[in-house]
N, C-alpha and C. Protein backbone atom coordinates (compact mmCIF):
# COMPACT_ATOMS: atom_id res chain seq x y z
N MET A 1 19.83 -14.68 -17.65
CA MET A 1 19.59 -13.93 -16.43
C MET A 1 18.14 -14.15 -16.00
N THR A 2 17.91 -14.31 -14.70
CA THR A 2 16.56 -14.56 -14.19
C THR A 2 16.16 -13.48 -13.21
N LEU A 3 14.88 -13.41 -12.98
CA LEU A 3 14.33 -12.47 -12.01
C LEU A 3 14.84 -12.83 -10.62
N GLN A 4 15.27 -11.82 -9.86
CA GLN A 4 15.76 -12.06 -8.50
C GLN A 4 14.65 -12.02 -7.47
N ARG A 5 13.78 -11.01 -7.55
CA ARG A 5 12.71 -10.83 -6.57
C ARG A 5 11.83 -9.65 -7.01
N MET A 6 10.68 -9.51 -6.37
CA MET A 6 9.91 -8.29 -6.52
C MET A 6 10.43 -7.35 -5.45
N ASP A 7 10.89 -6.17 -5.82
CA ASP A 7 11.52 -5.26 -4.87
C ASP A 7 10.50 -4.50 -4.03
N ASN A 8 9.51 -3.87 -4.70
CA ASN A 8 8.50 -3.14 -3.94
C ASN A 8 7.28 -2.85 -4.81
N VAL A 9 6.21 -2.45 -4.14
CA VAL A 9 5.00 -1.96 -4.78
C VAL A 9 4.90 -0.49 -4.40
N GLY A 10 4.57 0.36 -5.36
CA GLY A 10 4.48 1.79 -5.09
C GLY A 10 3.05 2.29 -5.07
N ILE A 11 2.76 3.17 -4.11
CA ILE A 11 1.45 3.80 -4.01
C ILE A 11 1.66 5.30 -3.82
N VAL A 12 0.98 6.10 -4.63
CA VAL A 12 1.05 7.56 -4.52
C VAL A 12 -0.07 8.02 -3.59
N VAL A 13 0.29 8.87 -2.62
CA VAL A 13 -0.67 9.36 -1.62
C VAL A 13 -0.60 10.88 -1.51
N GLU A 14 -1.64 11.46 -0.93
CA GLU A 14 -1.63 12.89 -0.65
C GLU A 14 -0.94 13.18 0.67
N SER A 15 -1.22 12.36 1.69
CA SER A 15 -0.64 12.57 3.02
C SER A 15 0.27 11.41 3.38
N LEU A 16 1.56 11.65 3.31
CA LEU A 16 2.54 10.62 3.64
C LEU A 16 2.45 10.24 5.12
N ASP A 17 2.25 11.22 5.99
CA ASP A 17 2.17 10.94 7.43
C ASP A 17 1.00 10.01 7.75
N THR A 18 -0.17 10.27 7.15
CA THR A 18 -1.35 9.44 7.39
C THR A 18 -1.12 8.02 6.88
N ALA A 19 -0.55 7.89 5.69
CA ALA A 19 -0.30 6.57 5.12
C ALA A 19 0.74 5.80 5.93
N ILE A 20 1.78 6.47 6.38
CA ILE A 20 2.80 5.81 7.21
C ILE A 20 2.18 5.30 8.49
N ALA A 21 1.39 6.13 9.16
CA ALA A 21 0.75 5.72 10.42
C ALA A 21 -0.13 4.50 10.21
N PHE A 22 -0.87 4.47 9.11
CA PHE A 22 -1.76 3.35 8.82
C PHE A 22 -0.96 2.06 8.61
N PHE A 23 0.06 2.12 7.79
CA PHE A 23 0.83 0.91 7.50
C PHE A 23 1.70 0.48 8.68
N LEU A 24 2.10 1.42 9.54
CA LEU A 24 2.76 1.03 10.79
C LEU A 24 1.80 0.24 11.67
N GLU A 25 0.55 0.69 11.76
CA GLU A 25 -0.45 -0.02 12.56
C GLU A 25 -0.74 -1.40 11.98
N LEU A 26 -0.70 -1.52 10.66
CA LEU A 26 -0.90 -2.81 10.02
C LEU A 26 0.23 -3.78 10.37
N GLY A 27 1.41 -3.23 10.65
CA GLY A 27 2.53 -4.09 11.04
C GLY A 27 3.78 -3.92 10.20
N LEU A 28 3.74 -3.02 9.20
CA LEU A 28 4.95 -2.76 8.43
C LEU A 28 5.89 -1.89 9.24
N GLU A 29 7.15 -1.90 8.88
CA GLU A 29 8.16 -1.10 9.56
C GLU A 29 8.65 -0.01 8.60
N LEU A 30 8.90 1.18 9.14
CA LEU A 30 9.43 2.28 8.32
C LEU A 30 10.92 2.05 8.12
N GLU A 31 11.29 1.80 6.88
CA GLU A 31 12.69 1.54 6.54
C GLU A 31 13.45 2.85 6.32
N GLY A 32 12.77 3.84 5.77
CA GLY A 32 13.41 5.12 5.50
C GLY A 32 12.44 6.09 4.86
N ARG A 33 12.80 7.37 4.95
CA ARG A 33 11.95 8.43 4.40
C ARG A 33 12.86 9.52 3.88
N GLY A 34 12.53 10.07 2.72
CA GLY A 34 13.36 11.13 2.17
C GLY A 34 12.77 11.71 0.90
N MET A 35 13.51 12.67 0.34
CA MET A 35 13.09 13.36 -0.87
C MET A 35 13.90 12.82 -2.06
N VAL A 36 13.19 12.51 -3.12
CA VAL A 36 13.82 12.12 -4.38
C VAL A 36 13.51 13.25 -5.34
N GLU A 37 14.56 13.85 -5.89
CA GLU A 37 14.31 15.00 -6.76
C GLU A 37 15.40 15.14 -7.80
N GLY A 38 15.06 15.90 -8.81
CA GLY A 38 16.02 16.24 -9.82
C GLY A 38 15.78 15.59 -11.16
N GLU A 39 16.58 16.02 -12.10
CA GLU A 39 16.45 15.60 -13.48
C GLU A 39 16.68 14.09 -13.64
N TRP A 40 17.60 13.51 -12.89
CA TRP A 40 17.88 12.07 -13.01
C TRP A 40 16.65 11.23 -12.68
N ALA A 41 15.91 11.65 -11.64
CA ALA A 41 14.71 10.92 -11.25
C ALA A 41 13.63 11.03 -12.33
N GLY A 42 13.52 12.19 -12.91
CA GLY A 42 12.55 12.41 -13.97
C GLY A 42 12.85 11.61 -15.22
N ARG A 43 14.12 11.29 -15.45
CA ARG A 43 14.47 10.45 -16.59
C ARG A 43 13.96 9.03 -16.38
N VAL A 44 13.93 8.56 -15.14
CA VAL A 44 13.42 7.23 -14.85
C VAL A 44 11.90 7.18 -15.04
N THR A 45 11.20 8.16 -14.51
CA THR A 45 9.73 8.16 -14.53
C THR A 45 9.13 8.75 -15.79
N GLY A 46 9.91 9.50 -16.54
CA GLY A 46 9.40 10.17 -17.73
C GLY A 46 8.66 11.46 -17.42
N LEU A 47 8.78 11.94 -16.16
CA LEU A 47 8.06 13.14 -15.76
C LEU A 47 8.90 14.41 -15.82
N GLY A 48 10.15 14.32 -16.19
CA GLY A 48 11.01 15.49 -16.20
C GLY A 48 11.44 15.82 -14.78
N ASP A 49 11.78 17.08 -14.54
CA ASP A 49 12.23 17.50 -13.21
C ASP A 49 11.11 17.26 -12.20
N GLN A 50 11.44 16.59 -11.11
CA GLN A 50 10.41 16.23 -10.14
C GLN A 50 10.95 16.30 -8.72
N ARG A 51 10.03 16.45 -7.77
CA ARG A 51 10.32 16.36 -6.34
C ARG A 51 9.26 15.44 -5.74
N VAL A 52 9.71 14.34 -5.15
CA VAL A 52 8.81 13.35 -4.60
C VAL A 52 9.32 12.94 -3.22
N GLU A 53 8.46 13.09 -2.21
CA GLU A 53 8.81 12.62 -0.87
C GLU A 53 8.37 11.16 -0.78
N ILE A 54 9.29 10.28 -0.39
CA ILE A 54 8.96 8.86 -0.33
C ILE A 54 9.20 8.31 1.07
N ALA A 55 8.48 7.25 1.36
CA ALA A 55 8.71 6.46 2.58
C ALA A 55 8.72 5.01 2.16
N MET A 56 9.75 4.28 2.55
CA MET A 56 9.83 2.86 2.23
C MET A 56 9.43 2.08 3.47
N MET A 57 8.40 1.26 3.31
CA MET A 57 7.88 0.43 4.39
C MET A 57 8.27 -1.02 4.10
N ARG A 58 8.62 -1.76 5.16
CA ARG A 58 9.07 -3.14 5.00
C ARG A 58 8.19 -4.09 5.81
N THR A 59 7.87 -5.23 5.23
CA THR A 59 7.11 -6.24 5.97
C THR A 59 8.01 -6.84 7.05
N PRO A 60 7.41 -7.34 8.15
CA PRO A 60 8.22 -7.87 9.25
C PRO A 60 9.17 -9.00 8.85
N ASP A 61 8.81 -9.78 7.82
CA ASP A 61 9.70 -10.87 7.40
C ASP A 61 10.87 -10.36 6.55
N GLY A 62 10.85 -9.08 6.19
CA GLY A 62 11.93 -8.49 5.42
C GLY A 62 11.89 -8.77 3.93
N HIS A 63 10.88 -9.48 3.45
CA HIS A 63 10.84 -9.87 2.04
C HIS A 63 10.01 -8.93 1.17
N GLY A 64 9.10 -8.16 1.74
CA GLY A 64 8.24 -7.29 0.94
C GLY A 64 8.39 -5.84 1.34
N ARG A 65 8.30 -4.96 0.37
CA ARG A 65 8.39 -3.53 0.66
C ARG A 65 7.30 -2.77 -0.09
N LEU A 66 6.87 -1.70 0.53
CA LEU A 66 5.85 -0.82 -0.01
C LEU A 66 6.45 0.58 -0.05
N GLU A 67 6.49 1.18 -1.24
CA GLU A 67 7.00 2.54 -1.37
C GLU A 67 5.83 3.50 -1.46
N LEU A 68 5.72 4.37 -0.48
CA LEU A 68 4.69 5.40 -0.46
C LEU A 68 5.31 6.68 -1.00
N SER A 69 4.64 7.32 -1.95
CA SER A 69 5.18 8.52 -2.59
C SER A 69 4.18 9.66 -2.52
N ARG A 70 4.69 10.85 -2.21
CA ARG A 70 3.88 12.07 -2.24
C ARG A 70 4.57 13.04 -3.21
N PHE A 71 3.90 13.28 -4.36
CA PHE A 71 4.49 14.16 -5.36
C PHE A 71 4.33 15.63 -4.94
N VAL A 72 5.46 16.32 -4.87
CA VAL A 72 5.47 17.75 -4.63
C VAL A 72 5.42 18.45 -5.99
N GLU A 73 6.26 17.98 -6.91
CA GLU A 73 6.28 18.46 -8.30
C GLU A 73 6.59 17.27 -9.19
N PRO A 74 5.95 17.10 -10.30
CA PRO A 74 4.79 17.83 -10.80
C PRO A 74 3.52 17.41 -10.04
N ASP A 75 2.46 18.15 -10.29
CA ASP A 75 1.18 17.85 -9.66
C ASP A 75 0.68 16.47 -10.08
N VAL A 76 -0.08 15.84 -9.20
CA VAL A 76 -0.74 14.58 -9.53
C VAL A 76 -1.80 14.88 -10.59
N ILE A 77 -1.92 14.03 -11.60
CA ILE A 77 -2.85 14.34 -12.70
C ILE A 77 -4.03 13.39 -12.81
N ALA A 78 -4.03 12.29 -12.06
CA ALA A 78 -5.15 11.35 -12.14
C ALA A 78 -5.41 10.77 -10.75
N ASP A 79 -6.62 10.33 -10.53
CA ASP A 79 -7.00 9.77 -9.24
C ASP A 79 -7.94 8.60 -9.48
N HIS A 80 -7.46 7.40 -9.18
CA HIS A 80 -8.30 6.22 -9.36
C HIS A 80 -8.41 5.42 -8.07
N ARG A 81 -8.32 6.12 -6.94
CA ARG A 81 -8.38 5.45 -5.64
C ARG A 81 -9.73 4.81 -5.35
N ASP A 82 -10.78 5.31 -5.94
CA ASP A 82 -12.10 4.76 -5.68
C ASP A 82 -12.54 3.74 -6.73
N ALA A 83 -11.59 3.28 -7.53
CA ALA A 83 -11.94 2.30 -8.56
C ALA A 83 -12.43 1.01 -7.91
N PRO A 84 -13.44 0.38 -8.50
CA PRO A 84 -13.92 -0.89 -7.95
C PRO A 84 -12.91 -2.01 -8.19
N VAL A 85 -13.12 -3.13 -7.54
CA VAL A 85 -12.16 -4.24 -7.61
C VAL A 85 -12.03 -4.87 -8.99
N ASN A 86 -12.93 -4.55 -9.92
CA ASN A 86 -12.82 -5.09 -11.27
C ASN A 86 -12.28 -4.07 -12.26
N ALA A 87 -11.64 -3.00 -11.78
CA ALA A 87 -11.06 -1.99 -12.67
C ALA A 87 -9.76 -2.51 -13.27
N LEU A 88 -9.44 -2.06 -14.48
CA LEU A 88 -8.19 -2.46 -15.12
C LEU A 88 -7.01 -1.76 -14.47
N GLY A 89 -5.85 -2.40 -14.51
CA GLY A 89 -4.63 -1.82 -13.99
C GLY A 89 -4.36 -2.21 -12.55
N TYR A 90 -3.34 -1.60 -11.96
CA TYR A 90 -2.99 -1.88 -10.57
C TYR A 90 -4.20 -1.62 -9.69
N LEU A 91 -4.45 -2.49 -8.75
CA LEU A 91 -5.64 -2.31 -7.93
C LEU A 91 -5.36 -2.33 -6.44
N ARG A 92 -4.69 -3.35 -5.96
CA ARG A 92 -4.56 -3.50 -4.53
C ARG A 92 -3.28 -4.22 -4.18
N VAL A 93 -2.96 -4.16 -2.91
CA VAL A 93 -1.86 -4.94 -2.35
C VAL A 93 -2.49 -5.80 -1.26
N MET A 94 -2.05 -7.05 -1.13
CA MET A 94 -2.62 -7.96 -0.14
C MET A 94 -1.56 -8.32 0.88
N PHE A 95 -1.99 -8.36 2.15
CA PHE A 95 -1.10 -8.72 3.25
C PHE A 95 -1.64 -9.93 3.98
N ALA A 96 -0.76 -10.83 4.37
CA ALA A 96 -1.11 -11.95 5.23
C ALA A 96 -1.04 -11.45 6.67
N VAL A 97 -2.08 -11.75 7.46
CA VAL A 97 -2.14 -11.31 8.85
C VAL A 97 -2.43 -12.51 9.75
N ASP A 98 -2.05 -12.40 11.02
CA ASP A 98 -2.30 -13.47 11.99
C ASP A 98 -3.76 -13.56 12.38
N ASP A 99 -4.39 -12.40 12.59
CA ASP A 99 -5.76 -12.35 13.11
C ASP A 99 -6.51 -11.25 12.37
N ILE A 100 -7.35 -11.63 11.43
CA ILE A 100 -8.02 -10.65 10.58
C ILE A 100 -8.98 -9.77 11.38
N ASP A 101 -9.64 -10.34 12.40
CA ASP A 101 -10.59 -9.56 13.20
C ASP A 101 -9.87 -8.48 14.01
N ASP A 102 -8.75 -8.85 14.64
CA ASP A 102 -7.96 -7.88 15.40
C ASP A 102 -7.40 -6.81 14.48
N THR A 103 -6.90 -7.22 13.33
CA THR A 103 -6.33 -6.27 12.37
C THR A 103 -7.40 -5.28 11.91
N LEU A 104 -8.59 -5.78 11.58
CA LEU A 104 -9.68 -4.89 11.18
C LEU A 104 -10.04 -3.90 12.28
N ALA A 105 -10.13 -4.38 13.51
CA ALA A 105 -10.48 -3.49 14.63
C ALA A 105 -9.45 -2.38 14.78
N ARG A 106 -8.17 -2.71 14.70
CA ARG A 106 -7.11 -1.70 14.84
C ARG A 106 -7.13 -0.71 13.68
N LEU A 107 -7.32 -1.21 12.47
CA LEU A 107 -7.29 -0.32 11.30
C LEU A 107 -8.54 0.53 11.19
N ARG A 108 -9.66 0.04 11.68
CA ARG A 108 -10.88 0.86 11.70
C ARG A 108 -10.68 2.10 12.56
N GLU A 109 -9.87 2.00 13.60
CA GLU A 109 -9.56 3.16 14.44
C GLU A 109 -8.86 4.26 13.64
N LEU A 110 -8.23 3.87 12.53
CA LEU A 110 -7.54 4.82 11.66
C LEU A 110 -8.35 5.12 10.40
N GLY A 111 -9.63 4.74 10.40
CA GLY A 111 -10.51 5.09 9.30
C GLY A 111 -10.71 4.04 8.24
N ALA A 112 -10.13 2.86 8.38
CA ALA A 112 -10.32 1.81 7.37
C ALA A 112 -11.78 1.39 7.32
N GLN A 113 -12.24 1.09 6.12
CA GLN A 113 -13.61 0.64 5.92
C GLN A 113 -13.61 -0.68 5.18
N LEU A 114 -14.39 -1.63 5.67
CA LEU A 114 -14.54 -2.93 5.03
C LEU A 114 -15.28 -2.73 3.72
N VAL A 115 -14.78 -3.29 2.62
CA VAL A 115 -15.40 -3.12 1.31
C VAL A 115 -16.64 -4.00 1.18
N GLY A 116 -16.52 -5.26 1.45
CA GLY A 116 -17.66 -6.18 1.37
C GLY A 116 -17.84 -6.81 2.73
N GLU A 117 -17.38 -8.03 2.86
CA GLU A 117 -17.42 -8.70 4.15
C GLU A 117 -16.23 -9.63 4.26
N VAL A 118 -15.95 -10.10 5.45
CA VAL A 118 -14.91 -11.10 5.65
C VAL A 118 -15.51 -12.44 5.25
N VAL A 119 -14.83 -13.15 4.35
CA VAL A 119 -15.33 -14.43 3.88
C VAL A 119 -14.29 -15.52 4.12
N GLN A 120 -14.77 -16.73 4.19
CA GLN A 120 -13.87 -17.87 4.35
C GLN A 120 -13.79 -18.62 3.03
N TYR A 121 -12.58 -18.86 2.57
CA TYR A 121 -12.35 -19.64 1.37
C TYR A 121 -11.94 -21.04 1.79
N GLU A 122 -12.84 -21.99 1.56
CA GLU A 122 -12.63 -23.38 1.94
C GLU A 122 -12.12 -23.46 3.38
N ASP A 123 -11.17 -24.35 3.64
CA ASP A 123 -10.58 -24.43 4.98
C ASP A 123 -9.19 -23.81 4.98
N ALA A 124 -8.97 -22.86 4.08
CA ALA A 124 -7.63 -22.33 3.89
C ALA A 124 -7.44 -20.89 4.38
N TYR A 125 -8.37 -19.98 4.06
CA TYR A 125 -8.18 -18.56 4.34
C TYR A 125 -9.47 -17.88 4.76
N ARG A 126 -9.32 -16.82 5.55
CA ARG A 126 -10.35 -15.80 5.72
C ARG A 126 -9.81 -14.59 5.00
N LEU A 127 -10.64 -13.95 4.19
CA LEU A 127 -10.19 -12.87 3.31
C LEU A 127 -11.13 -11.68 3.37
N CYS A 128 -10.58 -10.50 3.13
CA CYS A 128 -11.42 -9.32 2.95
C CYS A 128 -10.62 -8.24 2.25
N TYR A 129 -11.36 -7.26 1.72
CA TYR A 129 -10.78 -6.04 1.19
C TYR A 129 -11.21 -4.90 2.11
N ILE A 130 -10.30 -3.97 2.31
CA ILE A 130 -10.62 -2.75 3.04
C ILE A 130 -10.16 -1.55 2.22
N ARG A 131 -10.76 -0.41 2.50
CA ARG A 131 -10.27 0.86 1.97
C ARG A 131 -9.50 1.52 3.11
N GLY A 132 -8.23 1.76 2.87
CA GLY A 132 -7.37 2.38 3.87
C GLY A 132 -7.31 3.88 3.68
N PRO A 133 -6.17 4.49 4.05
CA PRO A 133 -6.05 5.94 3.92
C PRO A 133 -6.22 6.35 2.46
N GLU A 134 -6.98 7.41 2.25
CA GLU A 134 -7.20 7.97 0.92
C GLU A 134 -7.87 6.99 -0.03
N GLY A 135 -8.57 5.99 0.51
CA GLY A 135 -9.30 5.05 -0.33
C GLY A 135 -8.46 3.93 -0.92
N ILE A 136 -7.20 3.80 -0.49
CA ILE A 136 -6.33 2.75 -1.02
C ILE A 136 -6.96 1.39 -0.74
N LEU A 137 -7.04 0.54 -1.76
CA LEU A 137 -7.62 -0.78 -1.61
C LEU A 137 -6.55 -1.76 -1.13
N ILE A 138 -6.84 -2.43 -0.01
CA ILE A 138 -5.90 -3.35 0.63
C ILE A 138 -6.62 -4.66 0.89
N GLY A 139 -5.98 -5.77 0.56
CA GLY A 139 -6.50 -7.08 0.86
C GLY A 139 -5.84 -7.63 2.11
N LEU A 140 -6.63 -8.33 2.92
CA LEU A 140 -6.11 -9.00 4.12
C LEU A 140 -6.45 -10.47 4.01
N ALA A 141 -5.49 -11.32 4.36
CA ALA A 141 -5.69 -12.77 4.29
C ALA A 141 -5.16 -13.40 5.58
N GLU A 142 -6.02 -14.17 6.23
CA GLU A 142 -5.63 -14.92 7.42
C GLU A 142 -5.67 -16.40 7.07
N GLU A 143 -4.52 -17.06 7.16
CA GLU A 143 -4.47 -18.49 6.89
C GLU A 143 -5.09 -19.24 8.06
N ILE A 144 -5.96 -20.21 7.77
CA ILE A 144 -6.61 -20.98 8.82
C ILE A 144 -6.37 -22.47 8.59
N GLY A 145 -6.71 -23.25 9.59
CA GLY A 145 -6.62 -24.69 9.43
C GLY A 145 -5.34 -25.28 9.94
């Protein structure tokens, strides 16, 4: 048996509405939103009985998905949103964009902050990291050439 695909990347947020608005502006589409709760869900996560409001966002090509989660129960117990780019563990999600300058301008209207600067890698990409809603680290890549 072989791997079929990566299904989604999950990010836990405090404000689902703010995160949805941000990722909609980035260009993702809202696939669905709802509550996941009960003992069965807690058996998967190891958290026991839980209530989690989720929103599934889909990339325009239909191949990538981002699951945004807001825990109602149990309480969130750790916060590593401000971790630097060399921190261990999950760090960021990267999106390919058509125009990095336009994307940055639109996302700055929603509070995004450039982490370092936009740089060019050879004749292949322009790249940057931004902090999105709640400090989420997001990479942007514009293919050039």
